[in-house]
Amino acid sequence: YIRVIWIALQPEDKITELKEKVEDVLKDLFTK
């Protein structure tokens, strides 16, 4: 059941870490 075609990026762990920083600073305004 395909709805989106994508390309993955590496290093996923570092990108996820940046995403977590964004989530952390906005945690009192938006749901994680």
PDB file of all heavy atoms in Angstrom:
ATOM      1  N   TYR A   1       0.873  -1.182   0.000  1.00  0.00           N
ATOM      2  CA  TYR A   1       0.000   0.000   0.000  1.00  0.00           C
ATOM      3  C   TYR A   1       0.909   1.231   0.000  1.00  0.00           C
ATOM      4  O   TYR A   1       1.267   1.746   1.061  1.00  0.00           O
ATOM      5  CB  TYR A   1      -0.916  -0.018   1.230  1.00  0.00           C
ATOM      6  CG  TYR A   1      -1.897   1.114   1.264  1.00  0.00           C
ATOM      7  CD1 TYR A   1      -2.977   1.151   0.388  1.00  0.00           C
ATOM      8  CD2 TYR A   1      -1.743   2.156   2.164  1.00  0.00           C
ATOM      9  CE1 TYR A   1      -3.883   2.202   0.412  1.00  0.00           C
ATOM     10  CE2 TYR A   1      -2.645   3.210   2.207  1.00  0.00           C
ATOM     11  CZ  TYR A   1      -3.713   3.226   1.323  1.00  0.00           C
ATOM     12  OH  TYR A   1      -4.600   4.268   1.355  1.00  0.00           O
ATOM     13  N   ILE A   2       1.294   1.665  -1.175  1.00  0.00           N
ATOM     14  CA  ILE A   2       2.275   2.754  -1.303  1.00  0.00           C
ATOM     15  C   ILE A   2       1.565   4.090  -1.402  1.00  0.00           C
ATOM     16  O   ILE A   2       0.722   4.296  -2.261  1.00  0.00           O
ATOM     17  CB  ILE A   2       3.177   2.526  -2.539  1.00  0.00           C
ATOM     18  CG1 ILE A   2       3.921   1.187  -2.403  1.00  0.00           C
ATOM     19  CG2 ILE A   2       4.148   3.689  -2.710  1.00  0.00           C
ATOM     20  CD1 ILE A   2       4.676   0.769  -3.661  1.00  0.00           C
ATOM     21  N   ARG A   3       1.961   5.009  -0.514  1.00  0.00           N
ATOM     22  CA  ARG A   3       1.424   6.371  -0.538  1.00  0.00           C
ATOM     23  C   ARG A   3       2.530   7.419  -0.723  1.00  0.00           C
ATOM     24  O   ARG A   3       2.283   8.497  -1.223  1.00  0.00           O
ATOM     25  CB  ARG A   3       0.649   6.673   0.753  1.00  0.00           C
ATOM     26  CG  ARG A   3      -0.690   5.999   0.785  1.00  0.00           C
ATOM     27  CD  ARG A   3      -1.620   6.657  -0.233  1.00  0.00           C
ATOM     28  NE  ARG A   3      -2.759   5.868  -0.575  1.00  0.00           N
ATOM     29  CZ  ARG A   3      -3.031   5.409  -1.803  1.00  0.00           C
ATOM     30  NH1 ARG A   3      -2.213   5.614  -2.785  1.00  0.00           N
ATOM     31  NH2 ARG A   3      -4.129   4.742  -2.052  1.00  0.00           N
ATOM     32  N   VAL A   4       3.752   7.089  -0.292  1.00  0.00           N
ATOM     33  CA  VAL A   4       4.869   8.035  -0.393  1.00  0.00           C
ATOM     34  C   VAL A   4       6.112   7.277  -0.851  1.00  0.00           C
ATOM     35  O   VAL A   4       6.388   6.181  -0.365  1.00  0.00           O
ATOM     36  CB  VAL A   4       5.152   8.712   0.983  1.00  0.00           C
ATOM     37  CG1 VAL A   4       6.404   9.586   0.930  1.00  0.00           C
ATOM     38  CG2 VAL A   4       3.951   9.522   1.444  1.00  0.00           C
ATOM     39  N   ILE A   5       6.845   7.882  -1.788  1.00  0.00           N
ATOM     40  CA  ILE A   5       8.137   7.362  -2.227  1.00  0.00           C
ATOM     41  C   ILE A   5       9.194   8.302  -1.660  1.00  0.00           C
ATOM     42  O   ILE A   5       9.062   9.522  -1.771  1.00  0.00           O
ATOM     43  CB  ILE A   5       8.232   7.328  -3.768  1.00  0.00           C
ATOM     44  CG1 ILE A   5       7.113   6.457  -4.344  1.00  0.00           C
ATOM     45  CG2 ILE A   5       9.601   6.826  -4.218  1.00  0.00           C
ATOM     46  CD1 ILE A   5       6.878   6.669  -5.826  1.00  0.00           C
ATOM     47  N   TRP A   6      10.232   7.733  -1.029  1.00  0.00           N
ATOM     48  CA  TRP A   6      11.227   8.568  -0.354  1.00  0.00           C
ATOM     49  C   TRP A   6      12.635   8.033  -0.564  1.00  0.00           C
ATOM     50  O   TRP A   6      12.840   6.908  -0.997  1.00  0.00           O
ATOM     51  CB  TRP A   6      10.926   8.706   1.133  1.00  0.00           C
ATOM     52  CG  TRP A   6      10.628   7.441   1.868  1.00  0.00           C
ATOM     53  CD1 TRP A   6       9.397   6.964   2.203  1.00  0.00           C
ATOM     54  CD2 TRP A   6      11.574   6.473   2.387  1.00  0.00           C
ATOM     55  NE1 TRP A   6       9.526   5.766   2.892  1.00  0.00           N
ATOM     56  CE2 TRP A   6      10.842   5.442   3.017  1.00  0.00           C
ATOM     57  CE3 TRP A   6      12.959   6.390   2.382  1.00  0.00           C
ATOM     58  CZ2 TRP A   6      11.443   4.355   3.631  1.00  0.00           C
ATOM     59  CZ3 TRP A   6      13.572   5.283   2.994  1.00  0.00           C
ATOM     60  CH2 TRP A   6      12.818   4.290   3.609  1.00  0.00           C
ATOM     61  N   ILE A   7      13.599   8.895  -0.199  1.00  0.00           N
ATOM     62  CA  ILE A   7      14.999   8.494  -0.149  1.00  0.00           C
ATOM     63  C   ILE A   7      15.478   8.727   1.279  1.00  0.00           C
ATOM     64  O   ILE A   7      15.212   9.782   1.879  1.00  0.00           O
ATOM     65  CB  ILE A   7      15.860   9.264  -1.181  1.00  0.00           C
ATOM     66  CG1 ILE A   7      17.293   8.728  -1.194  1.00  0.00           C
ATOM     67  CG2 ILE A   7      15.815  10.762  -0.955  1.00  0.00           C
ATOM     68  CD1 ILE A   7      18.121   9.209  -2.370  1.00  0.00           C
ATOM     69  N   ALA A   8      16.144   7.734   1.829  1.00  0.00           N
ATOM     70  CA  ALA A   8      16.665   7.830   3.200  1.00  0.00           C
ATOM     71  C   ALA A   8      17.957   8.633   3.213  1.00  0.00           C
ATOM     72  O   ALA A   8      18.663   8.733   2.200  1.00  0.00           O
ATOM     73  CB  ALA A   8      16.913   6.433   3.760  1.00  0.00           C
ATOM     74  N   LEU A   9      18.265   9.196   4.366  1.00  0.00           N
ATOM     75  CA  LEU A   9      19.510   9.941   4.574  1.00  0.00           C
ATOM     76  C   LEU A   9      20.288   9.303   5.714  1.00  0.00           C
ATOM     77  O   LEU A   9      19.711   8.768   6.653  1.00  0.00           O
ATOM     78  CB  LEU A   9      19.222  11.404   4.914  1.00  0.00           C
ATOM     79  CG  LEU A   9      18.535  12.246   3.850  1.00  0.00           C
ATOM     80  CD1 LEU A   9      18.350  13.674   4.351  1.00  0.00           C
ATOM     81  CD2 LEU A   9      19.314  12.259   2.560  1.00  0.00           C
ATOM     82  N   GLN A  10      21.602   9.415   5.626  1.00  0.00           N
ATOM     83  CA  GLN A  10      22.513   8.948   6.666  1.00  0.00           C
ATOM     84  C   GLN A  10      23.429  10.099   7.067  1.00  0.00           C
ATOM     85  O   GLN A  10      23.699  10.952   6.240  1.00  0.00           O
ATOM     86  CB  GLN A  10      23.352   7.767   6.159  1.00  0.00           C
ATOM     87  CG  GLN A  10      22.575   6.493   5.955  1.00  0.00           C
ATOM     88  CD  GLN A  10      22.018   5.917   7.243  1.00  0.00           C
ATOM     89  OE1 GLN A  10      22.578   6.092   8.315  1.00  0.00           O
ATOM     90  NE2 GLN A  10      20.891   5.245   7.143  1.00  0.00           N
ATOM     91  N   PRO A  11      23.917  10.204   8.256  1.00  0.00           N
ATOM     92  CA  PRO A  11      23.740   9.282   9.377  1.00  0.00           C
ATOM     93  C   PRO A  11      22.413   9.558  10.094  1.00  0.00           C
ATOM     94  O   PRO A  11      22.203  10.648  10.620  1.00  0.00           O
ATOM     95  CB  PRO A  11      24.945   9.566  10.271  1.00  0.00           C
ATOM     96  CG  PRO A  11      25.231  11.020  10.033  1.00  0.00           C
ATOM     97  CD  PRO A  11      24.855  11.283   8.595  1.00  0.00           C
ATOM     98  N   GLU A  12      21.567   8.555  10.087  1.00  0.00           N
ATOM     99  CA  GLU A  12      20.235   8.724  10.670  1.00  0.00           C
ATOM    100  C   GLU A  12      20.297   9.079  12.149  1.00  0.00           C
ATOM    101  O   GLU A  12      19.487   9.865  12.641  1.00  0.00           O
ATOM    102  CB  GLU A  12      19.378   7.477  10.443  1.00  0.00           C
ATOM    103  CG  GLU A  12      17.933   7.724  10.831  1.00  0.00           C
ATOM    104  CD  GLU A  12      16.959   6.720  10.272  1.00  0.00           C
ATOM    105  OE1 GLU A  12      17.374   5.616   9.878  1.00  0.00           O
ATOM    106  OE2 GLU A  12      15.762   7.044  10.252  1.00  0.00           O
ATOM    107  N   ASP A  13      21.280   8.544  12.871  1.00  0.00           N
ATOM    108  CA  ASP A  13      21.360   8.838  14.309  1.00  0.00           C
ATOM    109  C   ASP A  13      21.619  10.321  14.571  1.00  0.00           C
ATOM    110  O   ASP A  13      21.032  10.911  15.467  1.00  0.00           O
ATOM    111  CB  ASP A  13      22.396   7.955  15.003  1.00  0.00           C
ATOM    112  CG  ASP A  13      23.810   8.122  14.468  1.00  0.00           C
ATOM    113  OD1 ASP A  13      23.986   8.519  13.291  1.00  0.00           O
ATOM    114  OD2 ASP A  13      24.758   7.838  15.221  1.00  0.00           O
ATOM    115  N   LYS A  14      22.482  10.945  13.775  1.00  0.00           N
ATOM    116  CA  LYS A  14      22.785  12.377  13.967  1.00  0.00           C
ATOM    117  C   LYS A  14      21.597  13.246  13.559  1.00  0.00           C
ATOM    118  O   LYS A  14      21.291  14.253  14.214  1.00  0.00           O
ATOM    119  CB  LYS A  14      24.022  12.790  13.155  1.00  0.00           C
ATOM    120  CG  LYS A  14      25.309  12.290  13.749  1.00  0.00           C
ATOM    121  CD  LYS A  14      25.586  13.007  15.038  1.00  0.00           C
ATOM    122  CE  LYS A  14      26.905  12.634  15.632  1.00  0.00           C
ATOM    123  NZ  LYS A  14      27.060  13.127  16.985  1.00  0.00           N
ATOM    124  N   ILE A  15      20.922  12.857  12.477  1.00  0.00           N
ATOM    125  CA  ILE A  15      19.741  13.606  12.039  1.00  0.00           C
ATOM    126  C   ILE A  15      18.647  13.493  13.095  1.00  0.00           C
ATOM    127  O   ILE A  15      17.982  14.479  13.434  1.00  0.00           O
ATOM    128  CB  ILE A  15      19.258  13.102  10.661  1.00  0.00           C
ATOM    129  CG1 ILE A  15      20.340  13.342   9.601  1.00  0.00           C
ATOM    130  CG2 ILE A  15      17.955  13.787  10.261  1.00  0.00           C
ATOM    131  CD1 ILE A  15      20.129  12.609   8.291  1.00  0.00           C
ATOM    132  N   THR A  16      18.477  12.304  13.658  1.00  0.00           N
ATOM    133  CA  THR A  16      17.499  12.087  14.725  1.00  0.00           C
ATOM    134  C   THR A  16      17.860  12.922  15.956  1.00  0.00           C
ATOM    135  O   THR A  16      16.983  13.488  16.616  1.00  0.00           O
ATOM    136  CB  THR A  16      17.417  10.592  15.088  1.00  0.00           C
ATOM    137  OG1 THR A  16      17.037   9.874  13.919  1.00  0.00           O
ATOM    138  CG2 THR A  16      16.414  10.338  16.193  1.00  0.00           C
ATOM    139  N   GLU A  17      19.138  13.025  16.236  1.00  0.00           N
ATOM    140  CA  GLU A  17      19.598  13.843  17.370  1.00  0.00           C
ATOM    141  C   GLU A  17      19.209  15.315  17.162  1.00  0.00           C
ATOM    142  O   GLU A  17      18.742  15.981  18.097  1.00  0.00           O
ATOM    143  CB  GLU A  17      21.122  13.700  17.486  1.00  0.00           C
ATOM    144  CG  GLU A  17      21.698  14.090  18.814  1.00  0.00           C
ATOM    145  CD  GLU A  17      23.208  13.868  18.856  1.00  0.00           C
ATOM    146  OE1 GLU A  17      23.700  12.805  18.387  1.00  0.00           O
ATOM    147  OE2 GLU A  17      23.894  14.778  19.367  1.00  0.00           O
ATOM    148  N   LEU A  18      19.382  15.817  15.938  1.00  0.00           N
ATOM    149  CA  LEU A  18      18.976  17.195  15.637  1.00  0.00           C
ATOM    150  C   LEU A  18      17.463  17.331  15.782  1.00  0.00           C
ATOM    151  O   LEU A  18      16.973  18.301  16.363  1.00  0.00           O
ATOM    152  CB  LEU A  18      19.436  17.590  14.226  1.00  0.00           C
ATOM    153  CG  LEU A  18      18.992  18.967  13.737  1.00  0.00           C
ATOM    154  CD1 LEU A  18      19.466  20.089  14.679  1.00  0.00           C
ATOM    155  CD2 LEU A  18      19.505  19.208  12.308  1.00  0.00           C
ATOM    156  N   LYS A  19      16.715  16.374  15.298  1.00  0.00           N
ATOM    157  CA  LYS A  19      15.260  16.401  15.433  1.00  0.00           C
ATOM    158  C   LYS A  19      14.861  16.449  16.905  1.00  0.00           C
ATOM    159  O   LYS A  19      13.957  17.196  17.289  1.00  0.00           O
ATOM    160  CB  LYS A  19      14.646  15.172  14.743  1.00  0.00           C
ATOM    161  CG  LYS A  19      13.121  15.184  14.798  1.00  0.00           C
ATOM    162  CD  LYS A  19      12.542  13.821  14.936  1.00  0.00           C
ATOM    163  CE  LYS A  19      11.062  13.727  14.967  1.00  0.00           C
ATOM    164  NZ  LYS A  19      10.221  14.858  15.008  1.00  0.00           N
ATOM    165  N   GLU A  20      15.557  15.655  17.739  1.00  0.00           N
ATOM    166  CA  GLU A  20      15.272  15.637  19.169  1.00  0.00           C
ATOM    167  C   GLU A  20      15.538  17.002  19.818  1.00  0.00           C
ATOM    168  O   GLU A  20      14.802  17.415  20.716  1.00  0.00           O
ATOM    169  CB  GLU A  20      16.083  14.548  19.879  1.00  0.00           C
ATOM    170  CG  GLU A  20      15.615  13.143  19.557  1.00  0.00           C
ATOM    171  CD  GLU A  20      14.189  12.865  19.996  1.00  0.00           C
ATOM    172  OE1 GLU A  20      13.779  13.324  21.078  1.00  0.00           O
ATOM    173  OE2 GLU A  20      13.466  12.201  19.231  1.00  0.00           O
ATOM    174  N   LYS A  21      16.598  17.684  19.370  1.00  0.00           N
ATOM    175  CA  LYS A  21      16.876  19.036  19.894  1.00  0.00           C
ATOM    176  C   LYS A  21      15.712  19.969  19.572  1.00  0.00           C
ATOM    177  O   LYS A  21      15.306  20.774  20.408  1.00  0.00           O
ATOM    178  CB  LYS A  21      18.171  19.593  19.291  1.00  0.00           C
ATOM    179  CG  LYS A  21      19.410  18.848  19.699  1.00  0.00           C
ATOM    180  CD  LYS A  21      20.172  19.641  20.714  1.00  0.00           C
ATOM    181  CE  LYS A  21      21.484  18.933  21.008  1.00  0.00           C
ATOM    182  NZ  LYS A  21      22.133  19.467  22.159  1.00  0.00           N
ATOM    183  N   VAL A  22      15.204  19.872  18.344  1.00  0.00           N
ATOM    184  CA  VAL A  22      14.057  20.691  17.942  1.00  0.00           C
ATOM    185  C   VAL A  22      12.854  20.346  18.820  1.00  0.00           C
ATOM    186  O   VAL A  22      12.190  21.238  19.357  1.00  0.00           O
ATOM    187  CB  VAL A  22      13.731  20.479  16.442  1.00  0.00           C
ATOM    188  CG1 VAL A  22      12.388  21.119  16.074  1.00  0.00           C
ATOM    189  CG2 VAL A  22      14.859  21.028  15.564  1.00  0.00           C
ATOM    190  N   GLU A  23      12.593  19.043  18.977  1.00  0.00           N
ATOM    191  CA  GLU A  23      11.470  18.598  19.821  1.00  0.00           C
ATOM    192  C   GLU A  23      11.604  19.128  21.249  1.00  0.00           C
ATOM    193  O   GLU A  23      10.635  19.607  21.840  1.00  0.00           O
ATOM    194  CB  GLU A  23      11.406  17.063  19.857  1.00  0.00           C
ATOM    195  CG  GLU A  23      11.029  16.413  18.559  1.00  0.00           C
ATOM    196  CD  GLU A  23       9.536  16.338  18.296  1.00  0.00           C
ATOM    197  OE1 GLU A  23       8.743  16.942  19.049  1.00  0.00           O
ATOM    198  OE2 GLU A  23       9.174  15.673  17.316  1.00  0.00           O
ATOM    199  N   ASP A  24      12.825  19.053  21.791  1.00  0.00           N
ATOM    200  CA  ASP A  24      13.062  19.477  23.176  1.00  0.00           C
ATOM    201  C   ASP A  24      12.777  20.952  23.398  1.00  0.00           C
ATOM    202  O   ASP A  24      12.143  21.311  24.387  1.00  0.00           O
ATOM    203  CB  ASP A  24      14.492  19.155  23.614  1.00  0.00           C
ATOM    204  CG  ASP A  24      14.709  17.670  23.857  1.00  0.00           C
ATOM    205  OD1 ASP A  24      13.718  16.903  23.907  1.00  0.00           O
ATOM    206  OD2 ASP A  24      15.884  17.258  23.970  1.00  0.00           O
ATOM    207  N   VAL A  25      13.256  21.815  22.486  1.00  0.00           N
ATOM    208  CA  VAL A  25      13.048  23.250  22.710  1.00  0.00           C
ATOM    209  C   VAL A  25      11.589  23.660  22.505  1.00  0.00           C
ATOM    210  O   VAL A  25      11.163  24.695  23.010  1.00  0.00           O
ATOM    211  CB  VAL A  25      13.990  24.154  21.861  1.00  0.00           C
ATOM    212  CG1 VAL A  25      15.444  23.904  22.185  1.00  0.00           C
ATOM    213  CG2 VAL A  25      13.711  24.052  20.386  1.00  0.00           C
ATOM    214  N   LEU A  26      10.827  22.842  21.793  1.00  0.00           N
ATOM    215  CA  LEU A  26       9.423  23.176  21.521  1.00  0.00           C
ATOM    216  C   LEU A  26       8.434  22.343  22.342  1.00  0.00           C
ATOM    217  O   LEU A  26       7.223  22.448  22.147  1.00  0.00           O
ATOM    218  CB  LEU A  26       9.123  22.989  20.029  1.00  0.00           C
ATOM    219  CG  LEU A  26       9.892  23.891  19.069  1.00  0.00           C
ATOM    220  CD1 LEU A  26       9.570  23.530  17.632  1.00  0.00           C
ATOM    221  CD2 LEU A  26       9.607  25.363  19.337  1.00  0.00           C
ATOM    222  N   LYS A  27       8.960  21.568  23.304  1.00  0.00           N
ATOM    223  CA  LYS A  27       8.104  20.602  24.028  1.00  0.00           C
ATOM    224  C   LYS A  27       6.955  21.242  24.800  1.00  0.00           C
ATOM    225  O   LYS A  27       5.923  20.607  24.995  1.00  0.00           O
ATOM    226  CB  LYS A  27       8.947  19.723  24.939  1.00  0.00           C
ATOM    227  CG  LYS A  27       9.573  20.438  26.102  1.00  0.00           C
ATOM    228  CD  LYS A  27      10.444  19.503  26.915  1.00  0.00           C
ATOM    229  CE  LYS A  27      11.179  20.316  27.946  1.00  0.00           C
ATOM    230  NZ  LYS A  27      12.418  19.702  28.342  1.00  0.00           N
ATOM    231  N   ASP A  28       7.111  22.500  25.220  1.00  0.00           N
ATOM    232  CA  ASP A  28       6.013  23.133  25.949  1.00  0.00           C
ATOM    233  C   ASP A  28       4.974  23.754  25.010  1.00  0.00           C
ATOM    234  O   ASP A  28       3.938  24.220  25.461  1.00  0.00           O
ATOM    235  CB  ASP A  28       6.541  24.159  26.955  1.00  0.00           C
ATOM    236  CG  ASP A  28       7.410  25.236  26.325  1.00  0.00           C
ATOM    237  OD1 ASP A  28       7.975  24.982  25.236  1.00  0.00           O
ATOM    238  OD2 ASP A  28       7.536  26.326  26.903  1.00  0.00           O
ATOM    239  N   LEU A  29       5.250  23.734  23.701  1.00  0.00           N
ATOM    240  CA  LEU A  29       4.314  24.307  22.730  1.00  0.00           C
ATOM    241  C   LEU A  29       3.644  23.258  21.845  1.00  0.00           C
ATOM    242  O   LEU A  29       2.534  23.470  21.354  1.00  0.00           O
ATOM    243  CB  LEU A  29       5.047  25.305  21.815  1.00  0.00           C
ATOM    244  CG  LEU A  29       5.699  26.515  22.475  1.00  0.00           C
ATOM    245  CD1 LEU A  29       6.478  27.317  21.452  1.00  0.00           C
ATOM    246  CD2 LEU A  29       4.636  27.380  23.140  1.00  0.00           C
ATOM    247  N   PHE A  30       4.359  22.155  21.586  1.00  0.00           N
ATOM    248  CA  PHE A  30       3.868  21.142  20.643  1.00  0.00           C
ATOM    249  C   PHE A  30       4.081  19.739  21.193  1.00  0.00           C
ATOM    250  O   PHE A  30       5.032  19.487  21.906  1.00  0.00           O
ATOM    251  CB  PHE A  30       4.601  21.256  19.293  1.00  0.00           C
ATOM    252  CG  PHE A  30       4.394  22.572  18.613  1.00  0.00           C
ATOM    253  CD1 PHE A  30       5.304  23.607  18.788  1.00  0.00           C
ATOM    254  CD2 PHE A  30       3.282  22.794  17.819  1.00  0.00           C
ATOM    255  CE1 PHE A  30       5.116  24.830  18.170  1.00  0.00           C
ATOM    256  CE2 PHE A  30       3.078  24.015  17.208  1.00  0.00           C
ATOM    257  CZ  PHE A  30       4.001  25.041  17.382  1.00  0.00           C
ATOM    258  N   THR A  31       3.239  18.829  20.779  1.00  0.00           N
ATOM    259  CA  THR A  31       3.346  17.427  21.164  1.00  0.00           C
ATOM    260  C   THR A  31       4.542  16.802  20.458  1.00  0.00           C
ATOM    261  O   THR A  31       4.783  17.075  19.279  1.00  0.00           O
ATOM    262  CB  THR A  31       2.065  16.661  20.753  1.00  0.00           C
ATOM    263  OG1 THR A  31       0.949  17.339  21.314  1.00  0.00           O
ATOM    264  CG2 THR A  31       2.098  15.234  21.248  1.00  0.00           C
ATOM    265  N   LYS A  32       5.252  15.975  21.184  1.00  0.00           N
ATOM    266  CA  LYS A  32       6.396  15.269  20.602  1.00  0.00           C
ATOM    267  C   LYS A  32       5.898  14.209  19.632  1.00  0.00           C
ATOM    268  O   LYS A  32       4.935  13.502  19.917  1.00  0.00           O
ATOM    269  CB  LYS A  32       7.235  14.637  21.714  1.00  0.00           C
ATOM    270  CG  LYS A  32       8.538  14.076  21.234  1.00  0.00           C
ATOM    271  CD  LYS A  32       9.399  13.637  22.398  1.00  0.00           C
ATOM    272  CE  LYS A  32      10.722  13.129  21.862  1.00  0.00           C
ATOM    273  NZ  LYS A  32      11.649  12.750  22.881  1.00  0.00           N
TER     274      LYS A  32
END
